[in-house]
Amino acid sequence: MAKEANAIGPWAFLAGIVIALLAAFVTGMDSTILLVLTVLGLIVGILNVGDSEVLKFLVGTIAFIVAGSSLNPIFVIIPGVGIQLAMAMTYLVTFVSPAAAVVAIKAIYDVSKDR
């Protein structure tokens, strides 16, 4: 079972990235896509991040969420593909945010249980 869970995590990460990018250019904004990305993000947060990776993961996700949110107004003004780029970034942030939340909760728990 542990081997199967270890295989699911990387595939969930890859699926989230591919779905986010494809959906932005094919479907536009869709609540079903948002839900799927949220679930995949939760899976990634639960299965992919080990104890030794927590700090790097959280710093990386915080930087990505801030940068992604800040770039959306810039993307929108690009002729032709700006809306799709902004949507892709929104989808990617939607995918990464639940993973960051799960890892942050695990980190907070680990810190609080030691005291």
Protein backbone atom coordinates (compact mmCIF):
# COMPACT_ATOMS: atom_id res chain seq x y z
CA MET A 1 0.00 0.00 0.00
CA ALA A 2 2.81 2.44 0.85
CA LYS A 3 4.42 1.78 -2.53
CA GLU A 4 1.13 2.61 -4.28
CA ALA A 5 0.76 5.84 -2.27
CA ASN A 6 4.31 6.79 -3.20
CA ALA A 7 3.40 6.35 -6.87
CA ILE A 8 0.20 8.40 -6.62
CA GLY A 9 1.84 11.57 -5.31
CA PRO A 10 4.15 12.32 -8.26
CA TRP A 11 1.38 11.47 -10.74
CA ALA A 12 -1.00 13.82 -8.90
CA PHE A 13 1.58 16.59 -9.16
CA LEU A 14 2.13 16.02 -12.87
CA ALA A 15 -1.62 15.74 -13.51
CA GLY A 16 -2.25 19.01 -11.67
CA ILE A 17 0.30 20.91 -13.74
CA VAL A 18 -0.95 19.45 -17.04
CA ILE A 19 -4.63 20.00 -16.22
CA ALA A 20 -3.99 23.58 -15.09
CA LEU A 21 -2.12 24.48 -18.27
CA LEU A 22 -4.41 22.67 -20.71
CA ALA A 23 -7.63 23.85 -19.08
CA ALA A 24 -6.56 27.49 -19.26
CA PHE A 25 -6.15 27.29 -23.01
CA VAL A 26 -9.00 24.87 -23.81
CA THR A 27 -11.90 25.31 -21.39
CA GLY A 28 -11.49 28.68 -19.73
CA MET A 29 -12.53 29.18 -16.12
CA ASP A 30 -14.48 26.17 -14.88
CA SER A 31 -15.52 25.32 -11.32
CA THR A 32 -15.06 21.59 -11.97
CA ILE A 33 -11.45 22.17 -12.97
CA LEU A 34 -10.94 24.25 -9.83
CA LEU A 35 -12.33 21.40 -7.71
CA VAL A 36 -10.14 18.80 -9.42
CA LEU A 37 -7.05 20.97 -8.97
CA THR A 38 -7.90 21.51 -5.31
CA VAL A 39 -8.23 17.76 -4.69
CA LEU A 40 -4.99 17.05 -6.56
CA GLY A 41 -3.27 19.77 -4.51
CA LEU A 42 -4.45 18.15 -1.30
CA ILE A 43 -3.11 14.79 -2.49
CA VAL A 44 0.24 16.36 -3.35
CA GLY A 45 0.44 18.04 0.06
CA ILE A 46 -0.35 14.81 1.87
CA LEU A 47 1.78 12.39 -0.15
CA ASN A 48 4.68 14.28 -1.72
CA VAL A 49 6.29 16.41 0.96
CA GLY A 50 8.49 14.72 3.53
CA ASP A 51 9.60 16.18 6.84
CA SER A 52 12.97 17.26 5.46
CA GLU A 53 11.31 19.13 2.57
CA VAL A 54 8.75 21.17 4.49
CA LEU A 55 10.70 24.42 4.69
CA LYS A 56 11.76 24.40 1.03
CA PHE A 57 8.27 23.48 -0.09
CA LEU A 58 6.55 26.18 1.95
CA VAL A 59 9.00 28.89 0.89
CA GLY A 60 8.63 27.81 -2.74
CA THR A 61 4.85 27.72 -2.63
CA ILE A 62 4.59 31.07 -0.88
CA ALA A 63 6.88 32.63 -3.48
CA PHE A 64 4.92 31.02 -6.31
CA ILE A 65 1.53 32.09 -4.95
CA VAL A 66 2.67 35.68 -4.47
CA ALA A 67 4.41 35.83 -7.85
CA GLY A 68 1.55 34.12 -9.63
CA SER A 69 -1.03 36.43 -8.17
CA SER A 70 1.11 39.47 -8.95
CA LEU A 71 1.71 38.45 -12.56
CA ASN A 72 -1.95 38.07 -13.49
CA PRO A 73 -2.51 41.79 -14.23
CA ILE A 74 0.59 41.77 -16.41
CA PHE A 75 -0.45 38.64 -18.29
CA VAL A 76 -3.89 40.04 -19.06
CA ILE A 77 -2.47 42.86 -21.17
CA ILE A 78 -0.53 40.52 -23.48
CA PRO A 79 -2.37 40.46 -26.80
CA GLY A 80 -3.74 37.12 -27.96
CA VAL A 81 -2.83 34.84 -25.07
CA GLY A 82 -2.90 37.13 -22.05
CA ILE A 83 -6.24 35.95 -20.68
CA GLN A 84 -5.20 32.31 -21.05
CA LEU A 85 -1.85 32.94 -19.35
CA ALA A 86 -3.59 34.65 -16.45
CA MET A 87 -6.05 31.78 -16.24
CA ALA A 88 -3.20 29.25 -16.29
CA MET A 89 -1.53 31.08 -13.42
CA THR A 90 -4.80 31.15 -11.50
CA TYR A 91 -5.24 27.42 -12.02
CA LEU A 92 -1.64 26.75 -10.95
CA VAL A 93 -2.09 28.83 -7.80
CA THR A 94 -5.34 26.96 -7.13
CA PHE A 95 -3.42 23.69 -7.44
CA VAL A 96 -0.47 24.71 -5.25
CA SER A 97 -2.42 26.47 -2.47
CA PRO A 98 -4.11 23.39 -0.94
CA ALA A 99 -0.80 21.53 -0.98
CA ALA A 100 0.80 24.43 0.88
CA ALA A 101 -2.06 24.51 3.38
CA VAL A 102 -1.73 20.80 4.16
CA VAL A 103 2.05 21.03 4.58
CA ALA A 104 1.70 24.17 6.72
CA ILE A 105 -0.84 22.45 8.99
CA LYS A 106 1.49 19.44 9.34
CA ALA A 107 4.38 21.79 10.18
CA ILE A 108 2.34 23.69 12.76
CA TYR A 109 1.27 20.43 14.33
CA ASP A 110 4.86 19.15 14.45
CA VAL A 111 6.05 22.34 16.12
CA SER A 112 3.21 22.45 18.65
CA LYS A 113 3.43 18.81 19.69
CA ASP A 114 7.06 19.18 20.76
CA ARG A 115 6.23 21.68 23.49
